[in-house]
Structures are given as C-alpha cells and as structure tokens.
Protein backbone atom coordinates (compact mmCIF):
# COMPACT_ATOMS: atom_id res chain seq x y z
CA MET A 1 28.43 -38.40 4.27
CA ALA A 2 26.32 -35.45 2.62
CA ASN A 3 23.10 -37.20 3.57
CA ASN A 4 24.02 -37.78 7.04
CA LYS A 5 25.29 -34.21 7.48
CA ASN A 6 21.86 -32.84 6.45
CA THR A 7 19.93 -35.31 8.85
CA ASP A 8 22.07 -33.98 11.62
CA GLU A 9 21.15 -30.60 11.07
CA ASP A 10 17.61 -31.30 10.47
CA ASP A 11 17.80 -33.23 13.95
CA LEU A 12 19.65 -30.25 15.57
CA ALA A 13 16.64 -27.94 14.44
CA GLU A 14 13.94 -30.14 15.75
CA VAL A 15 15.86 -30.29 19.05
CA ILE A 16 16.18 -26.39 19.01
CA SER A 17 12.36 -25.84 18.04
CA MET A 18 11.16 -28.14 20.50
CA GLY A 19 13.18 -26.60 23.24
CA LEU A 20 12.25 -23.11 22.50
CA ASN A 21 8.43 -24.42 22.44
CA LYS A 22 8.78 -26.20 25.69
CA ALA A 23 10.18 -22.96 27.28
CA GLY A 24 7.18 -20.99 26.12
CA LEU A 25 9.22 -19.35 23.32
CA GLN A 26 7.03 -20.26 20.29
CA SER A 27 9.20 -20.85 17.27
CA PHE A 28 8.03 -22.13 13.49
CA PHE A 29 9.38 -23.47 10.66
CA LEU A 30 8.71 -21.24 7.74
CA GLY A 31 6.95 -22.93 5.03
CA LYS A 32 5.95 -25.91 7.01
CA GLU A 33 3.19 -24.72 9.61
CA PRO A 34 1.29 -21.04 9.87
CA THR A 35 3.32 -18.43 11.39
CA PRO A 36 2.51 -14.88 11.96
CA ALA A 37 4.54 -13.53 9.41
CA ASP A 38 2.60 -15.51 6.88
CA ILE A 39 1.07 -13.30 3.78
CA THR A 40 -2.46 -14.65 3.47
CA ASP A 41 -4.79 -11.55 2.89
CA PHE A 42 -4.53 -8.46 0.59
CA VAL A 43 -6.41 -5.39 0.35
CA SER A 44 -6.75 -3.52 -2.85
CA THR A 45 -5.68 -0.06 -3.42
CA GLY A 46 -8.42 0.44 -6.23
CA SER A 47 -5.89 0.34 -8.73
CA SER A 48 -4.95 -3.07 -10.15
CA ILE A 49 -1.88 -1.74 -11.56
CA LEU A 50 -0.64 -0.46 -8.18
CA ASP A 51 -2.00 -3.73 -6.62
CA LEU A 52 0.37 -5.76 -8.85
CA ALA A 53 3.30 -3.52 -8.04
CA ILE A 54 3.11 -3.79 -4.47
CA SER A 55 2.48 -7.45 -3.92
CA ASN A 56 3.91 -8.85 -7.00
CA LYS A 57 1.03 -11.18 -7.24
CA PRO A 58 -2.39 -11.21 -9.15
CA ASN A 59 -5.17 -9.86 -7.51
CA GLY A 60 -2.87 -8.55 -4.40
CA GLY A 61 -2.55 -5.12 -3.03
CA ILE A 62 -1.50 -4.00 0.52
CA VAL A 63 -0.92 -6.69 3.13
CA CYS A 64 -3.10 -7.57 6.04
CA GLY A 65 -0.88 -7.68 9.23
CA ARG A 66 1.43 -4.98 8.06
CA ILE A 67 1.89 -1.02 8.29
CA THR A 68 1.67 0.73 5.01
CA GLU A 69 2.79 4.46 4.77
CA LEU A 70 0.99 6.60 2.13
CA MET A 71 3.09 10.08 1.67
CA GLY A 72 2.76 13.17 -0.46
CA LEU A 73 2.21 16.91 -0.71
CA GLU A 74 -0.99 18.08 0.01
CA GLY A 75 -3.71 17.41 -2.77
CA SER A 76 -1.85 14.01 -3.87
CA CYS A 77 -4.78 12.20 -3.29
CA LYS A 78 -3.60 10.15 -0.17
CA SER A 79 -7.02 10.41 1.57
CA LEU A 80 -8.94 9.11 -1.71
CA LEU A 81 -6.56 6.20 -1.96
CA SER A 82 -7.12 5.41 1.27
CA ALA A 83 -11.02 5.45 1.14
CA HIS A 84 -10.68 3.00 -1.83
CA MET A 85 -8.92 0.51 0.42
CA MET A 86 -11.56 1.02 2.95
CA ALA A 87 -14.23 0.22 0.33
CA SER A 88 -12.48 -2.60 -0.84
CA VAL A 89 -12.44 -4.19 2.52
CA GLN A 90 -15.99 -3.64 3.11
CA LYS A 91 -16.92 -5.09 -0.34
CA GLU A 92 -15.23 -8.42 1.15
CA GLY A 93 -17.51 -8.45 4.03
CA GLY A 94 -14.61 -6.59 6.60
CA VAL A 95 -14.39 -3.89 8.80
CA ALA A 96 -13.14 -0.25 7.86
CA VAL A 97 -12.01 1.91 10.70
CA LEU A 98 -10.99 5.57 10.13
CA LEU A 99 -9.10 7.65 12.82
CA ASP A 100 -9.61 11.10 11.53
CA THR A 101 -7.19 13.58 12.99
CA GLU A 102 -7.60 16.34 10.13
CA ASN A 103 -11.64 16.74 10.29
CA ALA A 104 -11.22 16.88 6.64
CA ILE A 105 -13.36 13.77 5.34
CA ASN A 106 -15.58 14.43 2.30
CA GLN A 107 -18.57 11.85 2.67
CA GLU A 108 -20.06 12.36 -0.53
CA PHE A 109 -16.82 11.29 -2.23
CA PHE A 110 -16.63 7.95 0.00
CA ASN A 111 -19.85 7.19 -0.99
CA ALA A 112 -18.71 7.73 -4.72
CA VAL A 113 -16.09 5.01 -4.24
CA GLY A 114 -18.52 2.44 -2.72
CA LEU A 115 -17.85 3.16 0.96
CA ARG A 116 -20.65 2.59 3.31
CA MET A 117 -20.58 5.51 6.00
CA ASP A 118 -23.25 3.59 7.95
CA LYS A 119 -20.68 0.62 8.16
CA MET A 120 -17.72 2.55 8.64
CA ILE A 121 -16.34 2.91 12.09
CA TYR A 122 -15.35 6.58 12.61
CA ARG A 123 -13.21 8.46 15.39
CA GLN A 124 -11.66 11.65 15.67
CA PRO A 125 -8.63 10.98 17.96
CA GLU A 126 -7.52 14.16 20.25
CA SER A 127 -3.78 13.06 20.32
CA CYS A 128 -1.29 11.00 18.64
CA GLU A 129 -1.24 8.89 21.94
CA GLU A 130 -5.07 8.37 21.54
CA VAL A 131 -4.45 7.11 18.03
CA PHE A 132 -2.43 4.19 19.20
CA GLU A 133 -4.74 3.69 22.29
CA THR A 134 -7.59 3.16 19.82
CA ILE A 135 -5.49 0.94 17.53
CA GLU A 136 -4.50 -1.16 20.47
CA LYS A 137 -8.06 -1.49 21.55
CA ILE A 138 -9.05 -2.65 18.26
CA ILE A 139 -6.70 -5.41 18.29
CA GLU A 140 -7.85 -6.49 21.90
CA LEU A 141 -11.53 -6.55 20.50
CA VAL A 142 -10.36 -8.58 17.67
CA ARG A 143 -8.37 -10.97 19.42
CA LYS A 144 -11.35 -11.89 21.63
CA LYS A 145 -13.43 -12.63 18.27
CA ALA A 146 -12.67 -16.41 18.06
CA ASN A 147 -12.06 -17.71 14.48
CA ASN A 148 -12.29 -14.39 13.01
CA ASP A 149 -11.77 -14.71 9.16
CA LYS A 150 -12.78 -11.09 8.10
CA LYS A 151 -10.56 -8.57 7.06
CA VAL A 152 -9.76 -5.31 9.22
CA ILE A 153 -8.40 -2.08 8.09
CA ILE A 154 -7.56 0.81 10.15
CA VAL A 155 -6.51 4.04 8.51
CA VAL A 156 -5.03 7.26 10.27
CA ASP A 157 -5.56 10.30 8.45
CA SER A 158 -3.00 11.71 9.06
CA MET A 159 -0.45 11.03 11.66
CA THR A 160 1.41 14.55 10.53
CA ALA A 161 -1.94 16.24 11.97
CA ALA A 162 -1.92 14.21 14.92
CA PRO A 163 -0.42 16.66 18.07
CA THR A 164 0.90 15.07 21.21
CA LYS A 165 -0.52 15.85 24.87
CA LYS A 166 2.34 18.08 25.38
CA GLU A 167 1.49 20.04 22.47
CA ILE A 168 -2.07 20.22 23.38
CA GLU A 169 -1.47 21.28 26.89
CA GLY A 170 1.71 23.46 26.15
CA ASP A 171 1.76 27.26 25.13
CA TYR A 172 1.36 28.38 21.59
CA ASP A 173 4.89 30.10 21.44
CA ARG A 174 6.49 27.06 22.69
CA THR A 175 8.95 25.17 20.18
CA GLY A 176 10.91 21.86 20.37
CA TYR A 177 7.77 19.32 20.10
CA ALA A 178 9.07 17.71 17.13
CA THR A 179 11.67 15.50 19.20
CA ASP A 180 8.66 14.84 21.57
CA LYS A 181 6.65 13.26 18.64
CA ALA A 182 9.54 11.23 17.17
CA ILE A 183 10.02 9.62 20.30
CA LEU A 184 6.58 8.93 21.03
CA MET A 185 5.90 7.37 17.35
CA SER A 186 8.97 5.06 17.84
CA GLN A 187 7.86 3.88 21.28
CA ASN A 188 4.39 3.16 20.23
CA LEU A 189 5.08 1.70 16.73
CA LYS A 190 7.31 -1.05 18.13
CA LYS A 191 4.40 -1.82 20.57
CA ILE A 192 1.91 -2.43 17.92
CA ILE A 193 4.01 -3.92 15.22
CA GLN A 194 3.87 -7.68 16.34
CA MET A 195 0.21 -7.36 17.48
CA ILE A 196 -1.26 -6.27 14.30
CA GLY A 197 0.83 -9.38 12.55
CA LYS A 198 -0.63 -11.62 14.67
CA ASN A 199 -4.40 -10.40 14.28
CA LYS A 200 -3.66 -9.89 10.29
CA ILE A 201 -4.97 -5.95 10.57
CA ALA A 202 -3.90 -3.79 7.87
CA VAL A 203 -2.75 -0.39 9.27
CA VAL A 204 -2.50 2.55 6.63
CA MET A 205 -1.14 5.80 8.00
CA THR A 206 -1.07 9.09 5.81
CA SER A 207 2.02 11.57 6.15
CA GLN A 208 2.55 14.85 4.62
CA LEU A 209 5.91 15.91 3.16
CA ARG A 210 7.66 18.72 4.13
CA MET A 211 10.74 20.64 2.94
CA LYS A 212 14.09 19.70 4.88
CA MET A 213 15.93 22.44 6.62
CA GLN A 214 19.13 21.72 5.06
CA VAL A 215 19.36 19.74 1.87
CA GLN A 216 22.55 18.48 0.09
CA ALA A 217 22.74 19.05 -3.68
CA PHE A 218 21.03 16.68 -5.66
CA ALA A 219 19.26 15.13 -2.71
CA ASP A 220 15.51 14.51 -1.92
CA PRO A 221 14.19 17.94 -0.58
CA TYR A 222 11.35 16.30 1.25
CA THR A 223 10.82 14.22 4.40
CA THR A 224 8.09 13.32 6.69
CA SER A 225 7.41 14.38 10.31
CA GLY A 226 7.62 12.64 13.33
CA GLY A 227 10.69 11.23 12.76
CA LYS A 228 11.97 8.10 11.04
CA ALA A 229 10.04 5.71 12.97
CA LEU A 230 7.08 5.16 10.59
CA GLY A 231 9.44 4.48 7.58
CA PHE A 232 11.18 1.90 9.69
CA TYR A 233 8.17 0.24 10.72
CA SER A 234 6.30 -0.06 7.41
CA SER A 235 6.43 -2.73 5.38
CA THR A 236 5.41 -0.67 2.36
CA ARG A 237 6.15 3.18 1.85
CA ILE A 238 4.31 4.54 -1.05
CA LYS A 239 4.97 8.20 -2.39
CA LEU A 240 2.13 9.75 -4.27
CA SER A 241 2.60 12.89 -6.41
CA VAL A 242 0.41 14.66 -9.09
CA LYS A 243 1.70 14.12 -12.55
CA GLN A 244 -0.86 15.80 -14.62
CA LYS A 245 -4.43 17.48 -14.42
CA ILE A 246 -7.49 16.02 -16.05
CA THR A 247 -9.53 18.63 -17.67
CA ASN A 248 -12.87 18.47 -19.27
CA LYS A 249 -13.77 20.48 -22.59
CA ASP A 250 -14.58 23.58 -20.58
CA LYS A 251 -11.02 23.62 -18.90
CA GLN A 252 -12.34 22.70 -15.77
CA VAL A 253 -10.15 20.20 -13.51
CA ILE A 254 -12.15 16.85 -13.12
CA GLY A 255 -9.41 14.64 -11.87
CA ALA A 256 -5.70 14.02 -11.74
CA ARG A 257 -3.34 11.44 -13.08
CA ILE A 258 -1.30 10.23 -9.99
CA GLN A 259 2.08 8.61 -9.90
CA ALA A 260 2.89 6.38 -6.93
CA GLN A 261 6.54 5.40 -6.52
CA ILE A 262 6.95 2.76 -3.87
CA ILE A 263 10.38 3.55 -2.32
CA LYS A 264 9.94 0.65 0.45
CA ASN A 265 8.48 -2.52 0.19
CA ARG A 266 9.24 -5.63 2.45
CA ILE A 267 6.87 -8.02 0.12
CA ALA A 268 7.95 -7.41 -3.33
CA ALA A 269 10.70 -5.31 -5.22
CA PRO A 270 10.70 -1.65 -4.36
CA TRP A 271 11.25 1.45 -6.67
CA ARG A 272 8.44 0.70 -8.89
CA VAL A 273 6.55 3.33 -10.43
CA VAL A 274 3.15 3.33 -11.79
CA GLU A 275 0.36 5.78 -13.05
CA PHE A 276 -3.48 5.83 -12.39
CA SER A 277 -6.20 8.23 -12.88
CA ILE A 278 -8.44 9.62 -10.15
CA PHE A 279 -11.57 11.47 -10.97
CA PHE A 280 -12.96 13.76 -8.30
CA ASP A 281 -16.84 12.38 -8.85
CA ARG A 282 -16.04 8.63 -8.84
CA GLY A 283 -12.63 7.84 -7.91
CA ILE A 284 -10.05 5.76 -9.37
CA ASP A 285 -10.84 5.04 -13.09
CA ASP A 286 -9.02 1.49 -13.40
CA ILE A 287 -9.97 0.42 -16.77
CA ALA A 288 -8.86 3.61 -18.23
CA SER A 289 -5.45 3.23 -16.32
CA GLN A 290 -5.00 -0.24 -17.50
CA LEU A 291 -5.53 0.90 -20.99
CA GLN A 292 -2.59 3.45 -20.54
CA TYR A 293 -0.17 1.09 -18.99
CA LEU A 294 -1.23 -1.48 -21.88
CA LYS A 295 -0.25 1.03 -24.45
CA ASP A 296 2.94 2.36 -22.39
CA ASN A 297 4.11 -1.42 -22.68
CA GLU A 298 3.03 -1.70 -26.17
CA ILE A 299 0.54 -4.74 -25.60
CA VAL A 300 -1.92 -2.45 -27.14
CA ILE A 301 -0.76 -0.31 -30.19
CA GLN A 302 -1.93 3.26 -30.84
CA LYS A 303 -2.65 4.11 -34.46
CA GLY A 304 -4.38 7.41 -35.19
CA PRO A 305 -7.45 7.68 -33.16
CA TYR A 306 -7.73 4.06 -32.74
CA ALA A 307 -5.97 1.30 -30.63
CA HIS A 308 -5.41 -2.21 -31.77
CA TYR A 309 -5.07 -5.36 -29.67
CA ILE A 310 -4.63 -8.97 -31.10
CA ASP A 311 -5.88 -11.67 -28.89
CA ASN A 312 -4.38 -15.22 -28.16
CA ASN A 313 -6.29 -16.56 -31.03
CA GLY A 314 -4.99 -14.14 -33.60
CA GLU A 315 -8.29 -12.09 -33.55
CA GLU A 316 -7.60 -8.16 -33.70
CA HIS A 317 -9.74 -5.66 -31.72
CA THR A 318 -10.04 -2.17 -32.76
CA PHE A 319 -11.35 0.36 -30.12
CA ASN A 320 -10.90 3.92 -29.13
CA SER A 321 -11.04 5.40 -25.44
CA SER A 322 -14.44 5.77 -25.20
CA THR A 323 -15.18 2.34 -26.50
CA TRP A 324 -12.56 0.32 -24.28
CA ALA A 325 -14.57 -0.06 -21.16
CA GLU A 326 -17.68 -1.56 -23.28
CA LEU A 327 -15.38 -3.82 -24.78
CA ILE A 328 -13.80 -5.16 -21.50
CA THR A 329 -17.02 -5.35 -19.66
CA THR A 330 -18.56 -7.35 -22.36
CA HIS A 331 -15.95 -9.82 -23.08
CA PRO A 332 -14.78 -11.22 -19.67
CA GLU A 333 -12.59 -13.64 -21.27
CA LEU A 334 -10.69 -11.07 -23.30
CA SER A 335 -10.61 -9.00 -20.08
CA LYS A 336 -8.97 -12.08 -18.10
CA GLU A 337 -6.69 -12.42 -20.80
CA ILE A 338 -5.09 -8.85 -21.05
CA TYR A 339 -4.96 -8.76 -17.16
CA GLN A 340 -2.76 -11.97 -17.37
CA LYS A 341 -0.51 -10.08 -20.01
CA MET A 342 -0.28 -7.16 -17.36
CA CYS A 343 0.79 -9.83 -14.74
CA ASP A 344 3.25 -11.40 -16.96
CA LYS A 345 4.81 -7.90 -17.82
CA MET A 346 4.79 -6.68 -14.15
CA ILE A 347 5.45 -9.77 -11.75
CA THR A 348 9.04 -10.47 -11.22
CA SER A 349 10.20 -14.14 -10.67
CA TYR A 350 12.66 -14.53 -8.13
CA LYS A 351 15.80 -16.27 -9.51
CA SER A 352 18.39 -18.43 -7.53
CA THR A 353 21.16 -17.27 -9.67
CA ASN A 354 23.45 -14.40 -8.90
CA LEU A 355 23.39 -11.21 -10.94
CA SER A 356 26.53 -9.70 -12.14
CA ILE A 357 27.30 -6.20 -12.91
CA GLU A 358 30.16 -7.19 -15.14
CA ASP A 359 28.17 -9.44 -17.40
CA GLY A 360 25.57 -6.73 -18.11
CA SER A 361 22.85 -8.61 -16.21
CA ALA A 362 22.42 -5.92 -13.81
CA GLU A 363 23.29 -2.19 -13.92
CA LEU A 364 23.96 0.56 -11.37
CA SER A 365 22.14 3.64 -11.17
CA ASN A 366 22.29 6.60 -8.85
CA SER A 367 19.24 7.25 -6.55
CA ASP A 368 18.18 10.32 -4.18
CA GLU A 369 18.03 9.98 -0.45
CA GLU A 370 14.57 9.21 0.76
C-alpha cells in the first residue's frame, strides 16, 4: 500500500509539472534537472576562512546568481574585500564591473591585490536609479551572449552614497528623502533578483552602518540606510569590523585584523564569525590568517616562540610566523592536508535527526537585533 501511495504522489507531481510547463509556467524537480536556484559557481573573497564560513564547502565563497551585502562602519575594509572578489573573478577569466558612487577608489591598491584595471569595467552612476538601470543593462547583454560560461561580478560601492533623482533635483534644506530611497530600493531589488539568478551574476553591494535614532537597551545600535529591502533580498549579509590594528616596529599602522560576522546566510549556517588580516600594501594575508585559525582551534600548537604541527604521517613540523609561508608553499601536500583539516573543522554536515534543547544537544542563547 505504501508503494502504491508513493507512486500515486509521483504521478500527480508529474501531471502538475507537465501541466505548468504546457501553460508556459516553467517548473522544475529540484535535484533532477538544472534550475535557476542551483548553486554552481562561487567567487572567492580572498580569505579561505571566510569562503568556508559563507559557503560551507571547500573552495567556496559568495554565490554567483545572488546578492551579497557587505556592511560596516567607515574604514572596515568593505571596498578592499570587494576588490579581492573582483580580482578573483578576473583570475578565472571572468568580468568585473565596479559601479562607484563614492568616487573614492584606490587604483594602486586595486593593482596590488591583483585586479587588472585595464580589464575592469568602471562606471560612476549619478543616482540610485542609474545603478539599477546599469545592472539591468548588464544582465541584458549577458543574456544575449549564448553559452556564456564566464563569471560576472557587479560591485556597487556603495548603495548608501547613491542619491535618488529627487535628492539630486531637490533643495539642500529639504528633508524626508529616506522614505523615497527605501521605496525605490524595494521596487528595484525585487525587479533584478530573479534576473541575476537566471544569468548567474554575482552582485555585491556595500553599505555603511549608521546609528539608530532610538535604541532599546541591549539592542544593536546600528542599522543601514535605505530601508530593509537590501537585507531582505540579500542571500548573504556580512558585517565587517576592525578587531585590531596591525603596526610595524616603528608603531606605524600597516594593516588591520578584520572580523567578519555573517549575520544572514541562505546557503549555509548564519552567525558564523571569522577573522583575517588585511595589509594596506598587499591586501588580505590569507596564509597568516590561516595560521591564526589553526592556532585558535589547536590544530597547530604554539609553544614559546615556535609552533608545532604533526602531520598525518606522524612527522612533526616546527616553525614560527616568519617561516610558516615558506613551509606551506614548499610543501603542497602539507598545504592540502592542513586545508582539509580546516574544512573538517568548519564545514557543518546537515542532519535529518531533530535536535533537542532538553537533552543538551542544542542550546539557547540571546542575540541582539540586527
């Protein structure tokens, strides 16, 4: 009887699917055929630790076909992280587009992280409306390219700095523009969200945090401008903050330790927190960031000035911070082994069993409002 019931359900699903397709309403069986919702391509952020936290997969990153929001206070390296994403796409033969509303890019730094300026498409939209018109036009051009297998990333830096046409045409002393922008953002994001998914285009939008006018006790005092729409339509929201300044022996600030908190994630577990180092003369130091992660998780043990790692063959490797990069680059098999251990530590396996608060398999914790 159970088999007959399953057969009837399968037959009914086939009838509904065929009927929808004949009516011009395309439908899919997930897992059986390619769909616009399939995750096929990732864009690296330049930090392997952050890539793992976002995608929950080896060699992952942000997803092509989705919107990613980078938020943070001024100086939290949002633009620098987006530059690494554009460089990653270019290295794979893809196309990087930068819509710069702030007129504040640093070409020398972009070159330092490996971004080819002569191959990057650059525009300065004058309004928020022009930002979305440009994105829609790029989608149209990508769609015309038959059998396109190249990655395309569009970075909008930033949505906060993009004014609406009403703001441009209005007087300086007029107020009340915030509501206009929030409505505009909601209307246009819902227009492009499915188009970028069907064409596998990665869209990254940066936003500055601002203080809320009224804040309840123990709540997050920060929010982003432009309403809630960008948060709703983003698959991944990453909140960046400066954890620590990095100085040289002359006490000059040469970089920063950045904390990335993934406050929303539709492709993996949210609320993960990772850290990585950015140097202002070369960008993300991924190798040094990996070492710190390995120490924090006791994969590498620090004893005095030296760190120790025992590989799968039982051989002990002793090194310090200055020789770590050489050890990894000269021993590719060791590098693969260590990366696999990072994956084993960070990647979450989905389980079909129910977790229970009572039996101690899950715990409740208080969280601030976004």
